[in-house]
Protein backbone atom coordinates (compact mmCIF):
# COMPACT_ATOMS: atom_id res chain seq x y z
CA UNK A 1 22.42 22.67 -5.29
CA UNK A 2 19.21 21.51 -3.56
CA UNK A 3 17.07 21.12 -6.67
CA UNK A 4 16.70 17.38 -6.18
CA UNK A 5 15.87 17.67 -2.44
CA UNK A 6 12.27 16.55 -1.89
CA UNK A 7 11.09 18.22 1.32
CA UNK A 8 8.01 15.99 1.49
CA UNK A 9 10.30 13.02 2.05
CA UNK A 10 12.22 14.62 4.94
CA UNK A 11 9.57 13.70 7.54
CA UNK A 12 9.58 10.09 6.43
CA UNK A 13 13.38 10.10 6.46
CA UNK A 14 13.43 11.41 10.04
CA UNK A 15 10.97 8.71 11.14
CA UNK A 16 13.15 6.07 9.50
CA UNK A 17 16.24 7.40 11.26
CA UNK A 18 14.49 7.42 14.65
CA UNK A 19 13.30 3.87 14.15
CA UNK A 20 16.74 2.69 13.11
CA UNK A 21 18.32 4.50 16.09
CA UNK A 22 15.98 2.67 18.50
CA UNK A 23 16.79 -0.65 16.85
CA UNK A 24 20.50 0.15 17.02
CA UNK A 25 20.26 0.95 20.74
CA UNK A 26 18.48 -2.34 21.46
CA UNK A 27 21.06 -4.22 19.42
CA UNK A 28 23.92 -2.41 21.16
CA UNK A 29 22.71 -3.52 24.56
CA UNK A 30 23.07 -7.16 23.50
CA UNK A 31 26.62 -6.76 22.13
CA UNK A 32 29.46 -7.67 24.50
CA UNK A 33 32.95 -6.25 23.96
CA UNK A 34 35.88 -7.47 26.08
CA UNK A 35 39.30 -5.92 26.52
CA UNK A 36 42.21 -7.64 28.26
CA UNK A 37 45.29 -6.18 29.91
CA UNK A 38 48.38 -7.70 31.45
CA UNK A 39 48.23 -10.80 29.30
CA UNK A 40 44.65 -11.47 30.36
CA UNK A 41 45.19 -10.83 34.06
CA UNK A 42 42.47 -8.18 33.87
CA UNK A 43 39.42 -8.41 31.62
CA UNK A 44 36.75 -5.74 31.32
CA UNK A 45 33.53 -6.41 29.43
CA UNK A 46 31.09 -3.71 28.33
CA UNK A 47 27.94 -3.81 26.30
CA UNK A 48 27.54 -1.79 23.11
CA UNK A 49 26.06 1.09 25.11
CA UNK A 50 29.30 1.43 27.05
CA UNK A 51 27.99 0.00 30.31
CA UNK A 52 30.61 -2.09 32.14
CA UNK A 53 28.96 -5.46 32.74
CA UNK A 54 31.84 -7.58 34.03
CA UNK A 55 35.37 -7.28 35.39
CA UNK A 56 37.64 -10.27 35.94
CA UNK A 57 40.86 -9.89 37.94
CA UNK A 58 43.52 -12.55 38.40
CA UNK A 59 44.00 -13.30 42.12
CA UNK A 60 47.74 -12.62 41.95
CA UNK A 61 47.01 -8.93 41.30
CA UNK A 62 45.12 -8.49 44.55
CA UNK A 63 48.39 -8.00 46.42
CA UNK A 64 49.76 -5.41 43.94
CA UNK A 65 47.42 -2.43 44.06
CA UNK A 66 49.47 -0.24 41.71
CA UNK A 67 49.69 -2.86 38.97
CA UNK A 68 46.00 -3.64 39.36
CA UNK A 69 45.12 0.05 38.94
CA UNK A 70 47.28 0.40 35.83
CA UNK A 71 45.84 -2.72 34.22
CA UNK A 72 42.26 -1.74 35.06
CA UNK A 73 42.75 1.71 33.54
CA UNK A 74 44.25 0.15 30.44
CA UNK A 75 41.47 -2.41 29.99
CA UNK A 76 38.71 0.16 30.64
CA UNK A 77 40.23 2.58 28.12
CA UNK A 78 40.54 -0.22 25.56
CA UNK A 79 36.94 -1.39 25.99
CA UNK A 80 35.70 2.23 25.79
CA UNK A 81 37.54 2.61 22.47
CA UNK A 82 35.95 -0.62 21.24
CA UNK A 83 32.50 0.70 22.20
CA UNK A 84 33.08 3.98 20.35
CA UNK A 85 34.34 2.16 17.26
CA UNK A 86 31.29 -0.11 17.38
CA UNK A 87 28.95 2.91 17.65
CA UNK A 88 30.61 4.60 14.67
CA UNK A 89 30.38 1.42 12.64
CA UNK A 90 26.69 1.01 13.46
CA UNK A 91 25.96 4.67 12.66
CA UNK A 92 27.66 4.38 9.28
CA UNK A 93 25.69 1.23 8.56
CA UNK A 94 22.46 2.93 9.59
CA UNK A 95 23.05 5.92 7.31
CA UNK A 96 24.55 3.89 4.49
CA UNK A 97 21.29 3.16 2.73
CA UNK A 98 19.71 6.56 3.21
CA UNK A 99 20.10 9.42 0.76
CA UNK A 100 17.98 12.48 1.67
CA UNK A 101 19.02 14.26 -1.54
CA UNK A 102 17.54 11.83 -4.03
CA UNK A 103 19.70 10.89 -6.99
CA UNK A 104 22.85 12.93 -7.31
């Protein structure tokens, strides 16, 4: 099963993965993902690391606390899902070219 596994290449593979992970983190910080709720009345923007970097709220919502809360929760949940999807996509891309088992 592991006949083609070259242990001497595992260290190099780990270094490559660490380097790519650092690059991916730097890239993620520069990505902006925005989710809207209530027809755009609430917008939440996060970077690829999941840090909320901006929230925009339509002035008409300032008098309706309950609606504002619901729309904020919705937009935050949506942007968090976008961040997770982006992370998964980046991880698959990072691992896509690496094969620690040689030719199979």
